[in-house]
PDB file of N, CA and C in Angstrom:
ATOM      1  N   MET A   1     140.757 -45.509-240.079  1.00  0.00           N
ATOM      2  CA  MET A   1     140.412 -45.848-238.708  1.00  0.00           C
ATOM      3  C   MET A   1     141.682 -46.262-237.983  1.00  0.00           C
ATOM      4  N   ASN A   2     141.890 -45.727-236.794  1.00  0.00           N
ATOM      5  CA  ASN A   2     143.062 -46.047-235.988  1.00  0.00           C
ATOM      6  C   ASN A   2     142.886 -47.372-235.260  1.00  0.00           C
ATOM      7  N   GLU A   3     144.003 -48.079-235.104  1.00  0.00           N
ATOM      8  CA  GLU A   3     143.996 -49.312-234.323  1.00  0.00           C
ATOM      9  C   GLU A   3     143.615 -48.985-232.881  1.00  0.00           C
ATOM     10  N   LEU A   4     142.806 -49.848-232.291  1.00  0.00           N
ATOM     11  CA  LEU A   4     142.398 -49.687-230.893  1.00  0.00           C
ATOM     12  C   LEU A   4     143.232 -50.566-229.985  1.00  0.00           C
ATOM     13  N   HIS A   5     143.466 -50.074-228.782  1.00  0.00           N
ATOM     14  CA  HIS A   5     144.137 -50.853-227.746  1.00  0.00           C
ATOM     15  C   HIS A   5     143.236 -50.880-226.524  1.00  0.00           C
ATOM     16  N   ALA A   6     143.253 -52.002-225.815  1.00  0.00           N
ATOM     17  CA  ALA A   6     142.631 -52.082-224.500  1.00  0.00           C
ATOM     18  C   ALA A   6     143.702 -51.664-223.498  1.00  0.00           C
ATOM     19  N   LEU A   7     143.312 -50.896-222.504  1.00  0.00           N
ATOM     20  CA  LEU A   7     144.223 -50.491-221.440  1.00  0.00           C
ATOM     21  C   LEU A   7     143.602 -50.891-220.116  1.00  0.00           C
ATOM     22  N   VAL A   8     144.399 -51.542-219.279  1.00  0.00           N
ATOM     23  CA  VAL A   8     143.989 -51.914-217.925  1.00  0.00           C
ATOM     24  C   VAL A   8     145.018 -51.334-216.966  1.00  0.00           C
ATOM     25  N   VAL A   9     144.533 -50.605-215.959  1.00  0.00           N
ATOM     26  CA  VAL A   9     145.406 -50.001-214.954  1.00  0.00           C
ATOM     27  C   VAL A   9     144.860 -50.345-213.574  1.00  0.00           C
ATOM     28  N   TYR A  10     145.736 -50.724-212.660  1.00  0.00           N
ATOM     29  CA  TYR A  10     145.363 -50.969-211.265  1.00  0.00           C
ATOM     30  C   TYR A  10     145.848 -49.783-210.447  1.00  0.00           C
ATOM     31  N   VAL A  11     144.956 -49.202-209.640  1.00  0.00           N
ATOM     32  CA  VAL A  11     145.282 -47.976-208.912  1.00  0.00           C
ATOM     33  C   VAL A  11     144.656 -48.026-207.520  1.00  0.00           C
ATOM     34  N   PRO A  12     145.328 -47.474-206.496  1.00  0.00           N
ATOM     35  CA  PRO A  12     144.692 -47.404-205.182  1.00  0.00           C
ATOM     36  C   PRO A  12     143.371 -46.643-205.285  1.00  0.00           C
ATOM     37  N   ARG A  13     142.376 -47.139-204.606  1.00  0.00           N
ATOM     38  CA  ARG A  13     141.033 -46.559-204.694  1.00  0.00           C
ATOM     39  C   ARG A  13     141.033 -45.054-204.410  1.00  0.00           C
ATOM     40  N   THR A  14     141.952 -44.592-203.580  1.00  0.00           N
ATOM     41  CA  THR A  14     142.025 -43.169-203.236  1.00  0.00           C
ATOM     42  C   THR A  14     142.428 -42.301-204.426  1.00  0.00           C
ATOM     43  N   HIS A  15     142.977 -42.911-205.490  1.00  0.00           N
ATOM     44  CA  HIS A  15     143.457 -42.158-206.640  1.00  0.00           C
ATOM     45  C   HIS A  15     142.685 -42.457-207.934  1.00  0.00           C
ATOM     46  N   THR A  16     141.611 -43.231-207.826  1.00  0.00           N
ATOM     47  CA  THR A  16     140.864 -43.643-209.023  1.00  0.00           C
ATOM     48  C   THR A  16     140.325 -42.455-209.800  1.00  0.00           C
ATOM     49  N   GLU A  17     139.648 -41.535-209.143  1.00  0.00           N
ATOM     50  CA  GLU A  17     139.024 -40.409-209.858  1.00  0.00           C
ATOM     51  C   GLU A  17     140.063 -39.535-210.543  1.00  0.00           C
ATOM     52  N   ALA A  18     141.182 -39.282-209.881  1.00  0.00           N
ATOM     53  CA  ALA A  18     142.243 -38.459-210.482  1.00  0.00           C
ATOM     54  C   ALA A  18     142.822 -39.154-211.714  1.00  0.00           C
ATOM     55  N   LEU A  19     143.025 -40.479-211.625  1.00  0.00           N
ATOM     56  CA  LEU A  19     143.584 -41.209-212.756  1.00  0.00           C
ATOM     57  C   LEU A  19     142.594 -41.270-213.913  1.00  0.00           C
ATOM     58  N   LEU A  20     141.315 -41.493-213.606  1.00  0.00           N
ATOM     59  CA  LEU A  20     140.298 -41.498-214.660  1.00  0.00           C
ATOM     60  C   LEU A  20     140.265 -40.162-215.399  1.00  0.00           C
ATOM     61  N   ALA A  21     140.327 -39.075-214.667  1.00  0.00           N
ATOM     62  CA  ALA A  21     140.321 -37.744-215.296  1.00  0.00           C
ATOM     63  C   ALA A  21     141.569 -37.556-216.156  1.00  0.00           C
ATOM     64  N   ALA A  22     142.729 -37.939-215.643  1.00  0.00           N
ATOM     65  CA  ALA A  22     143.981 -37.730-216.370  1.00  0.00           C
ATOM     66  C   ALA A  22     144.037 -38.523-217.672  1.00  0.00           C
ATOM     67  N   ILE A  23     143.669 -39.802-217.616  1.00  0.00           N
ATOM     68  CA  ILE A  23     143.750 -40.601-218.847  1.00  0.00           C
ATOM     69  C   ILE A  23     142.650 -40.209-219.823  1.00  0.00           C
ATOM     70  N   GLY A  24     141.468 -39.850-219.304  1.00  0.00           N
ATOM     71  CA  GLY A  24     140.398 -39.377-220.180  1.00  0.00           C
ATOM     72  C   GLY A  24     140.776 -38.078-220.870  1.00  0.00           C
ATOM     73  N   ASP A  25     141.389 -37.170-220.133  1.00  0.00           N
ATOM     74  CA  ASP A  25     141.836 -35.910-220.720  1.00  0.00           C
ATOM     75  C   ASP A  25     142.921 -36.144-221.774  1.00  0.00           C
ATOM     76  N   ALA A  26     143.696 -37.239-221.624  1.00  0.00           N
ATOM     77  CA  ALA A  26     144.747 -37.574-222.589  1.00  0.00           C
ATOM     78  C   ALA A  26     144.201 -38.335-223.803  1.00  0.00           C
ATOM     79  N   GLY A  27     142.903 -38.674-223.781  1.00  0.00           N
ATOM     80  CA  GLY A  27     142.282 -39.316-224.941  1.00  0.00           C
ATOM     81  C   GLY A  27     141.798 -40.728-224.746  1.00  0.00           C
ATOM     82  N   ALA A  28     142.033 -41.326-223.587  1.00  0.00           N
ATOM     83  CA  ALA A  28     141.538 -42.687-223.343  1.00  0.00           C
ATOM     84  C   ALA A  28     140.024 -42.673-223.209  1.00  0.00           C
ATOM     85  N   GLY A  29     139.400 -43.755-223.639  1.00  0.00           N
ATOM     86  CA  GLY A  29     137.961 -43.902-223.456  1.00  0.00           C
ATOM     87  C   GLY A  29     137.103 -43.116-224.421  1.00  0.00           C
ATOM     88  N   ARG A  30     137.611 -42.786-225.595  1.00  0.00           N
ATOM     89  CA  ARG A  30     136.791 -42.104-226.605  1.00  0.00           C
ATOM     90  C   ARG A  30     136.056 -43.150-227.424  1.00  0.00           C
ATOM     91  N   ILE A  31     134.741 -43.094-227.343  1.00  0.00           N
ATOM     92  CA  ILE A  31     133.895 -44.022-228.093  1.00  0.00           C
ATOM     93  C   ILE A  31     132.794 -43.201-228.748  1.00  0.00           C
ATOM     94  N   GLY A  32     132.837 -43.099-230.068  1.00  0.00           N
ATOM     95  CA  GLY A  32     131.851 -42.297-230.786  1.00  0.00           C
ATOM     96  C   GLY A  32     131.880 -40.861-230.303  1.00  0.00           C
ATOM     97  N   LYS A  33     130.732 -40.361-229.897  1.00  0.00           N
ATOM     98  CA  LYS A  33     130.616 -38.976-229.429  1.00  0.00           C
ATOM     99  C   LYS A  33     130.693 -38.887-227.908  1.00  0.00           C
ATOM    100  N   TYR A  34     131.428 -39.833-227.298  1.00  0.00           N
ATOM    101  CA  TYR A  34     131.598 -39.862-225.846  1.00  0.00           C
ATOM    102  C   TYR A  34     133.086 -39.862-225.522  1.00  0.00           C
ATOM    103  N   SER A  35     133.431 -39.279-224.390  1.00  0.00           N
ATOM    104  CA  SER A  35     134.817 -39.313-223.914  1.00  0.00           C
ATOM    105  C   SER A  35     134.834 -39.850-222.491  1.00  0.00           C
ATOM    106  N   HIS A  36     136.015 -40.161-221.999  1.00  0.00           N
ATOM    107  CA  HIS A  36     136.218 -40.617-220.628  1.00  0.00           C
ATOM    108  C   HIS A  36     135.425 -41.892-220.301  1.00  0.00           C
ATOM    109  N   CYS A  37     135.183 -42.753-221.305  1.00  0.00           N
ATOM    110  CA  CYS A  37     134.455 -44.005-221.074  1.00  0.00           C
ATOM    111  C   CYS A  37     135.396 -45.023-220.434  1.00  0.00           C
ATOM    112  N   SER A  38     134.905 -45.703-219.409  1.00  0.00           N
ATOM    113  CA  SER A  38     135.729 -46.707-218.731  1.00  0.00           C
ATOM    114  C   SER A  38     134.835 -47.665-217.966  1.00  0.00           C
ATOM    115  N   PHE A  39     135.445 -48.725-217.486  1.00  0.00           N
ATOM    116  CA  PHE A  39     134.776 -49.673-216.597  1.00  0.00           C
ATOM    117  C   PHE A  39     135.701 -49.855-215.404  1.00  0.00           C
ATOM    118  N   VAL A  40     135.167 -49.757-214.202  1.00  0.00           N
ATOM    119  CA  VAL A  40     135.972 -49.825-212.983  1.00  0.00           C
ATOM    120  C   VAL A  40     135.438 -50.936-212.084  1.00  0.00           C
ATOM    121  N   THR A  41     136.336 -51.814-211.639  1.00  0.00           N
ATOM    122  CA  THR A  41     135.958 -52.854-210.679  1.00  0.00           C
ATOM    123  C   THR A  41     136.908 -52.800-209.488  1.00  0.00           C
ATOM    124  N   ALA A  42     136.371 -53.121-208.323  1.00  0.00           N
ATOM    125  CA  ALA A  42     137.139 -53.077-207.076  1.00  0.00           C
ATOM    126  C   ALA A  42     137.823 -54.414-206.825  1.00  0.00           C
ATOM    127  N   GLY A  43     138.975 -54.350-206.170  1.00  0.00           N
ATOM    128  CA  GLY A  43     139.698 -55.566-205.826  1.00  0.00           C
ATOM    129  C   GLY A  43     140.772 -55.276-204.793  1.00  0.00           C
ATOM    130  N   THR A  44     141.625 -56.255-204.583  1.00  0.00           N
ATOM    131  CA  THR A  44     142.713 -56.129-203.622  1.00  0.00           C
ATOM    132  C   THR A  44     144.029 -56.372-204.336  1.00  0.00           C
ATOM    133  N   GLY A  45     144.904 -55.369-204.312  1.00  0.00           N
ATOM    134  CA  GLY A  45     146.246 -55.520-204.863  1.00  0.00           C
ATOM    135  C   GLY A  45     147.161 -56.097-203.799  1.00  0.00           C
ATOM    136  N   ARG A  46     148.078 -56.981-204.208  1.00  0.00           N
ATOM    137  CA  ARG A  46     149.022 -57.600-203.273  1.00  0.00           C
ATOM    138  C   ARG A  46     150.419 -57.446-203.855  1.00  0.00           C
ATOM    139  N   PHE A  47     151.386 -57.094-203.024  1.00  0.00           N
ATOM    140  CA  PHE A  47     152.758 -56.911-203.483  1.00  0.00           C
ATOM    141  C   PHE A  47     153.708 -56.918-202.300  1.00  0.00           C
ATOM    142  N   THR A  48     154.984 -57.172-202.590  1.00  0.00           N
ATOM    143  CA  THR A  48     156.044 -57.092-201.589  1.00  0.00           C
ATOM    144  C   THR A  48     157.151 -56.207-202.152  1.00  0.00           C
ATOM    145  N   PRO A  49     157.383 -55.037-201.572  1.00  0.00           N
ATOM    146  CA  PRO A  49     158.467 -54.174-202.048  1.00  0.00           C
ATOM    147  C   PRO A  49     159.830 -54.844-201.810  1.00  0.00           C
ATOM    148  N   LEU A  50     160.680 -54.817-202.811  1.00  0.00           N
ATOM    149  CA  LEU A  50     162.012 -55.418-202.725  1.00  0.00           C
ATOM    150  C   LEU A  50     163.046 -54.362-202.354  1.00  0.00           C
ATOM    151  N   ASP A  51     164.259 -54.813-202.016  1.00  0.00           N
ATOM    152  CA  ASP A  51     165.349 -53.895-201.675  1.00  0.00           C
ATOM    153  C   ASP A  51     165.504 -52.838-202.768  1.00  0.00           C
ATOM    154  N   GLY A  52     165.642 -51.596-202.363  1.00  0.00           N
ATOM    155  CA  GLY A  52     165.797 -50.489-203.300  1.00  0.00           C
ATOM    156  C   GLY A  52     164.494 -49.821-203.671  1.00  0.00           C
ATOM    157  N   ALA A  53     163.371 -50.455-203.348  1.00  0.00           N
ATOM    158  CA  ALA A  53     162.062 -49.865-203.647  1.00  0.00           C
ATOM    159  C   ALA A  53     161.777 -48.720-202.683  1.00  0.00           C
ATOM    160  N   GLU A  54     160.980 -47.783-203.154  1.00  0.00           N
ATOM    161  CA  GLU A  54     160.484 -46.697-202.310  1.00  0.00           C
ATOM    162  C   GLU A  54     158.956 -46.734-202.388  1.00  0.00           C
ATOM    163  N   PRO A  55     158.353 -47.680-201.655  1.00  0.00           N
ATOM    164  CA  PRO A  55     156.917 -47.916-201.815  1.00  0.00           C
ATOM    165  C   PRO A  55     156.045 -46.772-201.305  1.00  0.00           C
ATOM    166  N   TYR A  56     154.982 -46.526-202.041  1.00  0.00           N
ATOM    167  CA  TYR A  56     153.946 -45.573-201.619  1.00  0.00           C
ATOM    168  C   TYR A  56     153.230 -46.131-200.396  1.00  0.00           C
ATOM    169  N   LEU A  57     153.001 -47.446-200.400  1.00  0.00           N
ATOM    170  CA  LEU A  57     152.364 -48.158-199.283  1.00  0.00           C
ATOM    171  C   LEU A  57     153.291 -49.273-198.826  1.00  0.00           C
ATOM    172  N   GLY A  58     153.318 -49.532-197.547  1.00  0.00           N
ATOM    173  CA  GLY A  58     154.051 -50.678-197.020  1.00  0.00           C
ATOM    174  C   GLY A  58     155.523 -50.411-196.786  1.00  0.00           C
ATOM    175  N   ARG A  59     156.241 -51.522-196.461  1.00  0.00           N
ATOM    176  CA  ARG A  59     157.672 -51.452-196.147  1.00  0.00           C
ATOM    177  C   ARG A  59     158.423 -52.511-196.944  1.00  0.00           C
ATOM    178  N   VAL A  60     159.661 -52.220-197.266  1.00  0.00           N
ATOM    179  CA  VAL A  60     160.506 -53.153-198.002  1.00  0.00           C
ATOM    180  C   VAL A  60     160.555 -54.489-197.268  1.00  0.00           C
ATOM    181  N   GLY A  61     160.364 -55.566-198.034  1.00  0.00           N
ATOM    182  CA  GLY A  61     160.444 -56.916-197.492  1.00  0.00           C
ATOM    183  C   GLY A  61     159.182 -57.418-196.823  1.00  0.00           C
ATOM    184  N   MET A  62     158.170 -56.583-196.702  1.00  0.00           N
ATOM    185  CA  MET A  62     156.927 -56.974-196.023  1.00  0.00           C
ATOM    186  C   MET A  62     155.782 -57.056-197.029  1.00  0.00           C
ATOM    187  N   PRO A  63     155.071 -58.191-197.076  1.00  0.00           N
ATOM    188  CA  PRO A  63     153.911 -58.293-197.961  1.00  0.00           C
ATOM    189  C   PRO A  63     152.879 -57.219-197.603  1.00  0.00           C
ATOM    190  N   GLU A  64     152.227 -56.693-198.619  1.00  0.00           N
ATOM    191  CA  GLU A  64     151.251 -55.610-198.427  1.00  0.00           C
ATOM    192  C   GLU A  64     150.005 -55.906-199.254  1.00  0.00           C
ATOM    193  N   GLU A  65     148.864 -55.446-198.755  1.00  0.00           N
ATOM    194  CA  GLU A  65     147.598 -55.489-199.497  1.00  0.00           C
ATOM    195  C   GLU A  65     147.040 -54.089-199.544  1.00  0.00           C
ATOM    196  N   ALA A  66     146.365 -53.757-200.661  1.00  0.00           N
ATOM    197  CA  ALA A  66     145.779 -52.431-200.802  1.00  0.00           C
ATOM    198  C   ALA A  66     144.452 -52.528-201.536  1.00  0.00           C
ATOM    199  N   ALA A  67     143.473 -51.749-201.080  1.00  0.00           N
ATOM    200  CA  ALA A  67     142.205 -51.632-201.806  1.00  0.00           C
ATOM    201  C   ALA A  67     142.494 -50.889-203.101  1.00  0.00           C
ATOM    202  N   GLU A  68     142.284 -51.565-204.223  1.00  0.00           N
ATOM    203  CA  GLU A  68     142.577 -50.980-205.523  1.00  0.00           C
ATOM    204  C   GLU A  68     141.389 -51.128-206.455  1.00  0.00           C
ATOM    205  N   ASP A  69     141.403 -50.321-207.504  1.00  0.00           N
ATOM    206  CA  ASP A  69     140.423 -50.432-208.576  1.00  0.00           C
ATOM    207  C   ASP A  69     141.136 -50.846-209.848  1.00  0.00           C
ATOM    208  N   ARG A  70     140.455 -51.626-210.662  1.00  0.00           N
ATOM    209  CA  ARG A  70     140.926 -51.995-211.998  1.00  0.00           C
ATOM    210  C   ARG A  70     140.164 -51.116-212.973  1.00  0.00           C
ATOM    211  N   ILE A  71     140.881 -50.295-213.710  1.00  0.00           N
ATOM    212  CA  ILE A  71     140.286 -49.408-214.706  1.00  0.00           C
ATOM    213  C   ILE A  71     140.526 -50.029-216.080  1.00  0.00           C
ATOM    214  N   GLU A  72     139.465 -50.153-216.874  1.00  0.00           N
ATOM    215  CA  GLU A  72     139.575 -50.669-218.231  1.00  0.00           C
ATOM    216  C   GLU A  72     138.994 -49.641-219.187  1.00  0.00           C
ATOM    217  N   CYS A  73     139.681 -49.440-220.313  1.00  0.00           N
ATOM    218  CA  CYS A  73     139.176 -48.520-221.332  1.00  0.00           C
ATOM    219  C   CYS A  73     139.838 -48.851-222.661  1.00  0.00           C
ATOM    220  N   VAL A  74     139.385 -48.190-223.722  1.00  0.00           N
ATOM    221  CA  VAL A  74     140.025 -48.312-225.018  1.00  0.00           C
ATOM    222  C   VAL A  74     140.806 -47.036-225.307  1.00  0.00           C
ATOM    223  N   VAL A  75     141.856 -47.187-226.106  1.00  0.00           N
ATOM    224  CA  VAL A  75     142.689 -46.053-226.499  1.00  0.00           C
ATOM    225  C   VAL A  75     143.074 -46.248-227.963  1.00  0.00           C
ATOM    226  N   GLU A  76     142.909 -45.208-228.773  1.00  0.00           N
ATOM    227  CA  GLU A  76     143.375 -45.291-230.151  1.00  0.00           C
ATOM    228  C   GLU A  76     144.906 -45.254-230.147  1.00  0.00           C
ATOM    229  N   ALA A  77     145.528 -46.061-231.009  1.00  0.00           N
ATOM    230  CA  ALA A  77     146.981 -46.234-231.020  1.00  0.00           C
ATOM    231  C   ALA A  77     147.771 -44.924-231.011  1.00  0.00           C
ATOM    232  N   PRO A  78     147.392 -43.908-231.788  1.00  0.00           N
ATOM    233  CA  PRO A  78     148.194 -42.677-231.770  1.00  0.00           C
ATOM    234  C   PRO A  78     148.171 -41.935-230.430  1.00  0.00           C
ATOM    235  N   LEU A  79     147.189 -42.239-229.587  1.00  0.00           N
ATOM    236  CA  LEU A  79     147.061 -41.568-228.290  1.00  0.00           C
ATOM    237  C   LEU A  79     147.685 -42.368-227.144  1.00  0.00           C
ATOM    238  N   LEU A  80     148.060 -43.619-227.415  1.00  0.00           N
ATOM    239  CA  LEU A  80     148.485 -44.519-226.341  1.00  0.00           C
ATOM    240  C   LEU A  80     149.699 -43.999-225.565  1.00  0.00           C
ATOM    241  N   GLU A  81     150.696 -43.491-226.247  1.00  0.00           N
ATOM    242  CA  GLU A  81     151.894 -43.002-225.555  1.00  0.00           C
ATOM    243  C   GLU A  81     151.557 -41.866-224.590  1.00  0.00           C
ATOM    244  N   GLY A  82     150.703 -40.935-225.005  1.00  0.00           N
ATOM    245  CA  GLY A  82     150.296 -39.831-224.138  1.00  0.00           C
ATOM    246  C   GLY A  82     149.459 -40.298-222.959  1.00  0.00           C
ATOM    247  N   VAL A  83     148.618 -41.300-223.185  1.00  0.00           N
ATOM    248  CA  VAL A  83     147.801 -41.845-222.101  1.00  0.00           C
ATOM    249  C   VAL A  83     148.693 -42.540-221.072  1.00  0.00           C
ATOM    250  N   ILE A  84     149.690 -43.301-221.534  1.00  0.00           N
ATOM    251  CA  ILE A  84     150.615 -43.959-220.608  1.00  0.00           C
ATOM    252  C   ILE A  84     151.408 -42.914-219.824  1.00  0.00           C
ATOM    253  N   ALA A  85     151.782 -41.829-220.471  1.00  0.00           N
ATOM    254  CA  ALA A  85     152.479 -40.745-219.765  1.00  0.00           C
ATOM    255  C   ALA A  85     151.575 -40.162-218.678  1.00  0.00           C
ATOM    256  N   ALA A  86     150.282 -40.039-218.959  1.00  0.00           N
ATOM    257  CA  ALA A  86     149.328 -39.539-217.958  1.00  0.00           C
ATOM    258  C   ALA A  86     149.197 -40.513-216.797  1.00  0.00           C
ATOM    259  N   VAL A  87     149.211 -41.826-217.081  1.00  0.00           N
ATOM    260  CA  VAL A  87     149.178 -42.842-216.013  1.00  0.00           C
ATOM    261  C   VAL A  87     150.384 -42.642-215.103  1.00  0.00           C
ATOM    262  N   ARG A  88     151.563 -42.579-215.688  1.00  0.00           N
ATOM    263  CA  ARG A  88     152.794 -42.462-214.888  1.00  0.00           C
ATOM    264  C   ARG A  88     152.850 -41.152-214.103  1.00  0.00           C
ATOM    265  N   ALA A  89     152.327 -40.070-214.668  1.00  0.00           N
ATOM    266  CA  ALA A  89     152.365 -38.769-213.992  1.00  0.00           C
ATOM    267  C   ALA A  89     151.364 -38.679-212.840  1.00  0.00           C
ATOM    268  N   THR A  90     150.268 -39.425-212.910  1.00  0.00           N
ATOM    269  CA  THR A  90     149.177 -39.307-211.936  1.00  0.00           C
ATOM    270  C   THR A  90     149.181 -40.417-210.893  1.00  0.00           C
ATOM    271  N   HIS A  91     149.662 -41.586-211.257  1.00  0.00           N
ATOM    272  CA  HIS A  91     149.623 -42.766-210.377  1.00  0.00           C
ATOM    273  C   HIS A  91     150.593 -42.577-209.203  1.00  0.00           C
ATOM    274  N   PRO A  92     150.179 -42.923-207.973  1.00  0.00           N
ATOM    275  CA  PRO A  92     151.060 -42.714-206.826  1.00  0.00           C
ATOM    276  C   PRO A  92     152.184 -43.743-206.683  1.00  0.00           C
ATOM    277  N   TYR A  93     152.045 -44.919-207.298  1.00  0.00           N
ATOM    278  CA  TYR A  93     153.069 -45.956-207.153  1.00  0.00           C
ATOM    279  C   TYR A  93     154.282 -45.621-208.017  1.00  0.00           C
ATOM    280  N   GLU A  94     155.471 -45.985-207.541  1.00  0.00           N
ATOM    281  CA  GLU A  94     156.675 -45.736-208.338  1.00  0.00           C
ATOM    282  C   GLU A  94     156.681 -46.603-209.591  1.00  0.00           C
ATOM    283  N   GLU A  95     156.051 -47.760-209.559  1.00  0.00           N
ATOM    284  CA  GLU A  95     155.889 -48.621-210.734  1.00  0.00           C
ATOM    285  C   GLU A  95     154.422 -49.019-210.848  1.00  0.00           C
ATOM    286  N   PRO A  96     153.621 -48.232-211.571  1.00  0.00           N
ATOM    287  CA  PRO A  96     152.202 -48.584-211.715  1.00  0.00           C
ATOM    288  C   PRO A  96     152.039 -49.909-212.465  1.00  0.00           C
ATOM    289  N   ALA A  97     151.053 -50.677-212.054  1.00  0.00           N
ATOM    290  CA  ALA A  97     150.727 -51.923-212.743  1.00  0.00           C
ATOM    291  C   ALA A  97     149.700 -51.612-213.824  1.00  0.00           C
ATOM    292  N   PHE A  98     150.102 -51.795-215.091  1.00  0.00           N
ATOM    293  CA  PHE A  98     149.169 -51.582-216.201  1.00  0.00           C
ATOM    294  C   PHE A  98     149.589 -52.456-217.366  1.00  0.00           C
ATOM    295  N   MET A  99     148.678 -52.650-218.309  1.00  0.00           N
ATOM    296  CA  MET A  99     148.961 -53.418-219.515  1.00  0.00           C
ATOM    297  C   MET A  99     148.057 -52.912-220.631  1.00  0.00           C
ATOM    298  N   SER A 100     148.513 -53.091-221.857  1.00  0.00           N
ATOM    299  CA  SER A 100     147.688 -52.747-223.014  1.00  0.00           C
ATOM    300  C   SER A 100     147.967 -53.748-224.123  1.00  0.00           C
ATOM    301  N   TRP A 101     146.996 -53.880-225.017  1.00  0.00           N
ATOM    302  CA  TRP A 101     147.160 -54.777-226.147  1.00  0.00           C
ATOM    303  C   TRP A 101     146.186 -54.352-227.241  1.00  0.00           C
ATOM    304  N   PRO A 102     146.518 -54.641-228.506  1.00  0.00           N
ATOM    305  CA  PRO A 102     145.605 -54.312-229.602  1.00  0.00           C
ATOM    306  C   PRO A 102     144.337 -55.153-229.478  1.00  0.00           C
ATOM    307  N   VAL A 103     143.215 -54.561-229.828  1.00  0.00           N
ATOM    308  CA  VAL A 103     141.938 -55.278-229.763  1.00  0.00           C
ATOM    309  C   VAL A 103     141.196 -55.159-231.078  1.00  0.00           C
ATOM    310  N   GLU A 104     140.354 -56.113-231.318  1.00  0.00           N
ATOM    311  CA  GLU A 104     139.448 -56.081-232.457  1.00  0.00           C
ATOM    312  C   GLU A 104     138.283 -55.202-232.039  1.00  0.00           C
ATOM    313  N   GLY A 105     138.236 -53.986-232.515  1.00  0.00           N
ATOM    314  CA  GLY A 105     137.176 -53.059-232.127  1.00  0.00           C
ATOM    315  C   GLY A 105     136.379 -52.626-233.326  1.00  0.00           C
ATOM    316  N   TRP A 106     135.097 -52.510-233.156  1.00  0.00           N
ATOM    317  CA  TRP A 106     134.220 -52.112-234.262  1.00  0.00           C
ATOM    318  C   TRP A 106     133.580 -50.794-233.921  1.00  0.00           C
ATOM    319  N   ARG A 107     133.671 -49.850-234.833  1.00  0.00           N
ATOM    320  CA  ARG A 107     133.104 -48.522-234.633  1.00  0.00           C
ATOM    321  C   ARG A 107     132.172 -48.190-235.791  1.00  0.00           C
ATOM    322  N   ARG A 108     131.118 -47.474-235.466  1.00  0.00           N
ATOM    323  CA  ARG A 108     130.171 -47.042-236.491  1.00  0.00           C
ATOM    324  C   ARG A 108     130.784 -45.866-237.254  1.00  0.00           C
ATOM    325  N   THR A 109     130.802 -45.977-238.593  1.00  0.00           N
ATOM    326  CA  THR A 109     131.302 -44.915-239.455  1.00  0.00           C
ATOM    327  C   THR A 109     130.288 -44.700-240.572  1.00  0.00           C
ATOM    328  N   GLU A 110     129.633 -43.560-240.572  1.00  0.00           N
ATOM    329  CA  GLU A 110     128.651 -43.218-241.610  1.00  0.00           C
ATOM    330  C   GLU A 110     127.637 -44.334-241.814  1.00  0.00           C
ATOM    331  N   GLY A 111     127.027 -44.810-240.727  1.00  0.00           N
ATOM    332  CA  GLY A 111     125.961 -45.796-240.809  1.00  0.00           C
ATOM    333  C   GLY A 111     126.409 -47.236-240.975  1.00  0.00           C
ATOM    334  N   ARG A 112     127.715 -47.478-241.075  1.00  0.00           N
ATOM    335  CA  ARG A 112     128.185 -48.862-241.175  1.00  0.00           C
ATOM    336  C   ARG A 112     129.273 -49.084-240.129  1.00  0.00           C
ATOM    337  N   PHE A 113     129.595 -50.326-239.901  1.00  0.00           N
ATOM    338  CA  PHE A 113     130.611 -50.640-238.909  1.00  0.00           C
ATOM    339  C   PHE A 113     131.945 -50.860-239.600  1.00  0.00           C
ATOM    340  N   GLU A 114     133.010 -50.391-238.947  1.00  0.00           N
ATOM    341  CA  GLU A 114     134.363 -50.483-239.493  1.00  0.00           C
ATOM    342  C   GLU A 114     135.276 -51.017-238.403  1.00  0.00           C
ATOM    343  N   SER A 115     136.166 -51.923-238.775  1.00  0.00           N
ATOM    344  CA  SER A 115     137.109 -52.489-237.818  1.00  0.00           C
ATOM    345  C   SER A 115     138.147 -51.447-237.433  1.00  0.00           C
ATOM    346  N   GLY A 116     138.491 -51.417-236.138  1.00  0.00           N
ATOM    347  CA  GLY A 116     139.538 -50.524-235.657  1.00  0.00           C
ATOM    348  C   GLY A 116     140.819 -51.285-235.428  1.00  0.00           C
ATOM    349  N   SER A 117     140.975 -52.408-236.047  1.00  0.00           N
ATOM    350  CA  SER A 117     142.131 -53.267-235.806  1.00  0.00           C
ATOM    351  C   SER A 117     142.825 -53.598-237.116  1.00  0.00           C
ATOM    352  N   LYS A 118     144.078 -53.925-237.028  1.00  0.00           N
ATOM    353  CA  LYS A 118     144.818 -54.355-238.210  1.00  0.00           C
ATOM    354  C   LYS A 118     144.307 -55.717-238.695  1.00  0.00           C
ATOM    355  N   PHE A 119     143.493 -56.407-237.872  1.00  0.00           N
ATOM    356  CA  PHE A 119     143.011 -57.730-238.208  1.00  0.00           C
ATOM    357  C   PHE A 119     141.692 -57.695-238.981  1.00  0.00           C
ATOM    358  N   GLY A 120     141.035 -56.529-239.017  1.00  0.00           N
ATOM    359  CA  GLY A 120     139.697 -56.467-239.613  1.00  0.00           C
ATOM    360  C   GLY A 120     139.687 -55.975-241.014  1.00  0.00           C
TER     361      GLY A 120
END
């Protein structure tokens, strides 16, 4: 069983569907016999572009707010690098905000549950 990672990505609402498709196609959100599984919540992203930035939204030195979605999903460790590459290729921001970490995940294997983590 591969180690599982949680992945959280913040994306402008206008790009949510494209990003969900890209990371799902790269292997994120595979749970049992399902693919492209995720949870999406709406929020407001806040940032100030600094000197040298080339912001997708806003202007250097000016605080900005954007309607964004928080995408959460699981990714098996061997697929994580490809999923992150899909985030960077699809996300409109020059520096996408995302994070991942290993999680204690339990998956059904032949009628029993098996840990997907190095801790189980």
